[in-house]
Amino acid sequence: MPRPGPHPARASSKLDPTEAELRSVESAECRSTSGETARCTCTLKITERDAAGMDQGTWYVSARAEAEDGDTVYVPRAATFDVTH
């Protein structure tokens, strides 16, 4: 089963985290969908104070998945979300 690391840009040392930076972030929860695939989700909670300090606009979520055999996939802009105040 993969060990992905979805990670918001805000928690990275940079706004565009690299694959190497995502090697040591929290893992998502994964469930097998077949013998060769899994669906993984990750929920990140932030406080109102955290949200107030975020820049308005579109933010990107980067993701890195590592399979049991060591293969990896890195997607620097796997998802987006908008921050408004």
N, C-alpha and C. Protein backbone atom coordinates (compact mmCIF):
# COMPACT_ATOMS: atom_id res chain seq x y z
N MET A 1 0.85 -1.18 0.00
CA MET A 1 0.00 0.00 0.00
C MET A 1 0.89 1.24 0.00
N PRO A 2 0.55 2.26 -0.74
CA PRO A 2 1.38 3.46 -0.81
C PRO A 2 1.39 4.22 0.52
N ARG A 3 2.46 4.98 0.71
CA ARG A 3 2.56 5.87 1.87
C ARG A 3 2.68 7.29 1.35
N PRO A 4 1.54 7.90 1.00
CA PRO A 4 1.60 9.25 0.43
C PRO A 4 1.87 10.30 1.47
N GLY A 5 2.24 11.45 1.00
CA GLY A 5 2.48 12.56 1.90
C GLY A 5 1.88 13.83 1.39
N PRO A 6 0.56 13.93 1.29
CA PRO A 6 -0.01 15.21 0.90
C PRO A 6 0.40 16.28 1.90
N HIS A 7 0.65 17.41 1.42
CA HIS A 7 1.22 18.42 2.30
C HIS A 7 0.89 19.79 1.74
N PRO A 8 0.33 20.67 2.52
CA PRO A 8 0.04 22.00 1.99
C PRO A 8 1.32 22.83 1.89
N ALA A 9 1.34 23.70 0.93
CA ALA A 9 2.53 24.53 0.73
C ALA A 9 2.84 25.36 1.96
N ARG A 10 1.85 25.76 2.75
CA ARG A 10 2.08 26.64 3.89
C ARG A 10 2.99 26.04 4.93
N ALA A 11 3.06 24.71 5.04
CA ALA A 11 3.88 24.08 6.07
C ALA A 11 5.29 23.78 5.58
N SER A 12 5.56 24.03 4.34
CA SER A 12 6.88 23.77 3.79
C SER A 12 7.82 24.93 4.10
N SER A 13 9.12 24.64 3.95
CA SER A 13 10.10 25.71 4.11
C SER A 13 10.01 26.68 2.93
N LYS A 14 9.36 26.24 1.86
CA LYS A 14 9.16 27.08 0.68
C LYS A 14 7.69 26.98 0.28
N LEU A 15 7.25 27.86 -0.58
CA LEU A 15 5.88 27.78 -1.06
C LEU A 15 5.70 26.69 -2.10
N ASP A 16 6.77 26.22 -2.71
CA ASP A 16 6.70 25.11 -3.65
C ASP A 16 7.58 23.99 -3.12
N PRO A 17 7.04 23.11 -2.25
CA PRO A 17 7.86 22.06 -1.66
C PRO A 17 8.40 21.11 -2.71
N THR A 18 9.58 20.61 -2.48
CA THR A 18 10.20 19.65 -3.38
C THR A 18 9.81 18.24 -2.96
N GLU A 19 10.09 17.28 -3.82
CA GLU A 19 9.82 15.89 -3.48
C GLU A 19 10.61 15.49 -2.24
N ALA A 20 11.85 15.94 -2.13
CA ALA A 20 12.68 15.61 -0.97
C ALA A 20 12.07 16.14 0.33
N GLU A 21 11.49 17.34 0.29
CA GLU A 21 10.85 17.90 1.48
C GLU A 21 9.65 17.07 1.93
N LEU A 22 8.98 16.44 0.99
CA LEU A 22 7.79 15.68 1.32
C LEU A 22 8.09 14.28 1.84
N ARG A 23 9.34 13.89 1.91
CA ARG A 23 9.69 12.55 2.41
C ARG A 23 9.42 12.40 3.90
N SER A 24 9.39 13.50 4.64
CA SER A 24 9.27 13.39 6.09
C SER A 24 8.03 14.08 6.65
N VAL A 25 6.97 14.14 5.87
CA VAL A 25 5.74 14.77 6.35
C VAL A 25 4.74 13.72 6.79
N GLU A 26 3.65 14.18 7.39
CA GLU A 26 2.64 13.25 7.88
C GLU A 26 2.07 12.42 6.73
N SER A 27 1.69 11.19 7.05
CA SER A 27 1.13 10.30 6.05
C SER A 27 -0.39 10.40 6.02
N ALA A 28 -0.92 10.04 4.89
CA ALA A 28 -2.37 10.00 4.73
C ALA A 28 -2.89 8.63 5.17
N GLU A 29 -4.20 8.54 5.29
CA GLU A 29 -4.84 7.27 5.60
C GLU A 29 -5.20 6.61 4.28
N CYS A 30 -4.77 5.36 4.10
CA CYS A 30 -4.98 4.68 2.82
C CYS A 30 -5.81 3.42 2.99
N ARG A 31 -6.64 3.15 1.98
CA ARG A 31 -7.45 1.94 1.93
C ARG A 31 -7.31 1.33 0.54
N SER A 32 -7.13 0.02 0.51
CA SER A 32 -7.01 -0.68 -0.77
C SER A 32 -8.31 -0.58 -1.55
N THR A 33 -8.18 -0.34 -2.86
CA THR A 33 -9.35 -0.35 -3.73
C THR A 33 -9.31 -1.54 -4.68
N SER A 34 -8.13 -2.14 -4.80
CA SER A 34 -7.94 -3.37 -5.58
C SER A 34 -6.60 -3.97 -5.13
N GLY A 35 -6.19 -5.02 -5.79
CA GLY A 35 -4.92 -5.66 -5.44
C GLY A 35 -3.71 -4.79 -5.72
N GLU A 36 -3.86 -3.79 -6.59
CA GLU A 36 -2.72 -2.97 -6.98
C GLU A 36 -2.89 -1.48 -6.70
N THR A 37 -4.05 -1.06 -6.23
CA THR A 37 -4.26 0.37 -6.01
C THR A 37 -4.85 0.64 -4.63
N ALA A 38 -4.72 1.89 -4.21
CA ALA A 38 -5.29 2.34 -2.94
C ALA A 38 -5.78 3.77 -3.12
N ARG A 39 -6.72 4.15 -2.28
CA ARG A 39 -7.21 5.54 -2.24
C ARG A 39 -6.78 6.10 -0.90
N CYS A 40 -6.10 7.23 -0.96
CA CYS A 40 -5.56 7.83 0.25
C CYS A 40 -6.12 9.23 0.46
N THR A 41 -6.39 9.56 1.71
CA THR A 41 -6.88 10.88 2.05
C THR A 41 -6.11 11.42 3.24
N CYS A 42 -6.05 12.72 3.30
CA CYS A 42 -5.37 13.38 4.41
C CYS A 42 -6.17 14.63 4.75
N THR A 43 -6.46 14.82 6.02
CA THR A 43 -7.17 16.00 6.47
C THR A 43 -6.24 16.83 7.32
N LEU A 44 -6.07 18.07 6.96
CA LEU A 44 -5.22 18.97 7.71
C LEU A 44 -6.10 19.98 8.43
N LYS A 45 -5.89 20.12 9.72
CA LYS A 45 -6.69 21.06 10.50
C LYS A 45 -5.84 22.28 10.84
N ILE A 46 -6.44 23.44 10.67
CA ILE A 46 -5.76 24.67 11.04
C ILE A 46 -6.68 25.48 11.94
N THR A 47 -6.10 26.33 12.73
CA THR A 47 -6.88 27.16 13.63
C THR A 47 -7.35 28.42 12.89
N GLU A 48 -8.28 29.14 13.50
CA GLU A 48 -8.72 30.40 12.91
C GLU A 48 -7.55 31.37 12.80
N ARG A 49 -6.66 31.32 13.78
CA ARG A 49 -5.47 32.19 13.76
C ARG A 49 -4.58 31.84 12.57
N ASP A 50 -4.37 30.52 12.34
CA ASP A 50 -3.59 30.09 11.18
C ASP A 50 -4.22 30.61 9.89
N ALA A 51 -5.53 30.43 9.77
CA ALA A 51 -6.24 30.84 8.56
C ALA A 51 -6.15 32.34 8.34
N ALA A 52 -6.25 33.11 9.41
CA ALA A 52 -6.18 34.56 9.29
C ALA A 52 -4.81 35.02 8.79
N GLY A 53 -3.78 34.24 9.07
CA GLY A 53 -2.44 34.60 8.64
C GLY A 53 -2.07 34.13 7.24
N MET A 54 -2.96 33.37 6.62
CA MET A 54 -2.68 32.86 5.27
C MET A 54 -2.96 33.94 4.24
N ASP A 55 -2.12 34.03 3.24
CA ASP A 55 -2.36 34.95 2.14
C ASP A 55 -3.60 34.52 1.38
N GLN A 56 -4.40 35.50 0.95
CA GLN A 56 -5.56 35.20 0.13
C GLN A 56 -5.10 34.74 -1.24
N GLY A 57 -5.94 33.93 -1.87
CA GLY A 57 -5.65 33.49 -3.22
C GLY A 57 -5.68 31.98 -3.33
N THR A 58 -5.18 31.49 -4.44
CA THR A 58 -5.15 30.06 -4.71
C THR A 58 -3.90 29.44 -4.11
N TRP A 59 -4.09 28.37 -3.36
CA TRP A 59 -3.00 27.60 -2.77
C TRP A 59 -2.99 26.22 -3.42
N TYR A 60 -1.81 25.60 -3.44
CA TYR A 60 -1.64 24.30 -4.08
C TYR A 60 -1.23 23.26 -3.06
N VAL A 61 -1.71 22.04 -3.27
CA VAL A 61 -1.35 20.92 -2.42
C VAL A 61 -0.42 20.02 -3.22
N SER A 62 0.74 19.72 -2.66
CA SER A 62 1.69 18.81 -3.28
C SER A 62 1.52 17.43 -2.67
N ALA A 63 1.78 16.39 -3.46
CA ALA A 63 1.63 15.03 -2.96
C ALA A 63 2.78 14.15 -3.44
N ARG A 64 3.20 13.26 -2.56
CA ARG A 64 4.22 12.27 -2.90
C ARG A 64 3.72 10.93 -2.40
N ALA A 65 3.70 9.92 -3.27
CA ALA A 65 3.27 8.58 -2.88
C ALA A 65 4.43 7.61 -3.08
N GLU A 66 4.60 6.72 -2.12
CA GLU A 66 5.66 5.72 -2.20
C GLU A 66 5.03 4.34 -2.07
N ALA A 67 5.25 3.49 -3.06
CA ALA A 67 4.71 2.13 -3.05
C ALA A 67 5.60 1.23 -2.20
N GLU A 68 5.06 0.08 -1.83
CA GLU A 68 5.84 -0.86 -1.02
C GLU A 68 7.12 -1.31 -1.72
N ASP A 69 7.11 -1.32 -3.07
CA ASP A 69 8.31 -1.73 -3.80
C ASP A 69 9.32 -0.60 -3.97
N GLY A 70 9.01 0.58 -3.41
CA GLY A 70 9.94 1.71 -3.46
C GLY A 70 9.67 2.71 -4.57
N ASP A 71 8.82 2.35 -5.53
CA ASP A 71 8.48 3.32 -6.58
C ASP A 71 7.79 4.53 -5.96
N THR A 72 8.05 5.71 -6.52
CA THR A 72 7.42 6.92 -6.00
C THR A 72 6.81 7.73 -7.14
N VAL A 73 5.81 8.52 -6.78
CA VAL A 73 5.19 9.48 -7.69
C VAL A 73 5.10 10.79 -6.93
N TYR A 74 5.51 11.87 -7.57
CA TYR A 74 5.46 13.21 -6.97
C TYR A 74 4.63 14.10 -7.88
N VAL A 75 3.63 14.76 -7.31
CA VAL A 75 2.78 15.69 -8.05
C VAL A 75 2.84 17.03 -7.32
N PRO A 76 3.55 18.03 -7.87
CA PRO A 76 3.71 19.30 -7.18
C PRO A 76 2.43 20.11 -7.02
N ARG A 77 1.46 19.89 -7.89
CA ARG A 77 0.18 20.60 -7.79
C ARG A 77 -0.96 19.61 -7.96
N ALA A 78 -1.13 18.77 -6.95
CA ALA A 78 -2.14 17.71 -7.01
C ALA A 78 -3.54 18.24 -6.81
N ALA A 79 -3.68 19.33 -6.09
CA ALA A 79 -5.00 19.92 -5.82
C ALA A 79 -4.82 21.40 -5.50
N THR A 80 -5.92 22.13 -5.56
CA THR A 80 -5.88 23.56 -5.21
C THR A 80 -7.01 23.86 -4.23
N PHE A 81 -6.84 24.95 -3.52
CA PHE A 81 -7.92 25.50 -2.70
C PHE A 81 -7.74 27.00 -2.64
N ASP A 82 -8.84 27.70 -2.44
CA ASP A 82 -8.80 29.17 -2.39
C ASP A 82 -8.99 29.65 -0.97
N VAL A 83 -8.20 30.63 -0.59
CA VAL A 83 -8.30 31.26 0.72
C VAL A 83 -8.87 32.66 0.53
N THR A 84 -9.96 32.94 1.25
CA THR A 84 -10.55 34.29 1.24
C THR A 84 -10.73 34.72 2.68
N HIS A 85 -10.73 36.00 2.91
CA HIS A 85 -10.94 36.54 4.27
C HIS A 85 -12.18 37.38 4.30
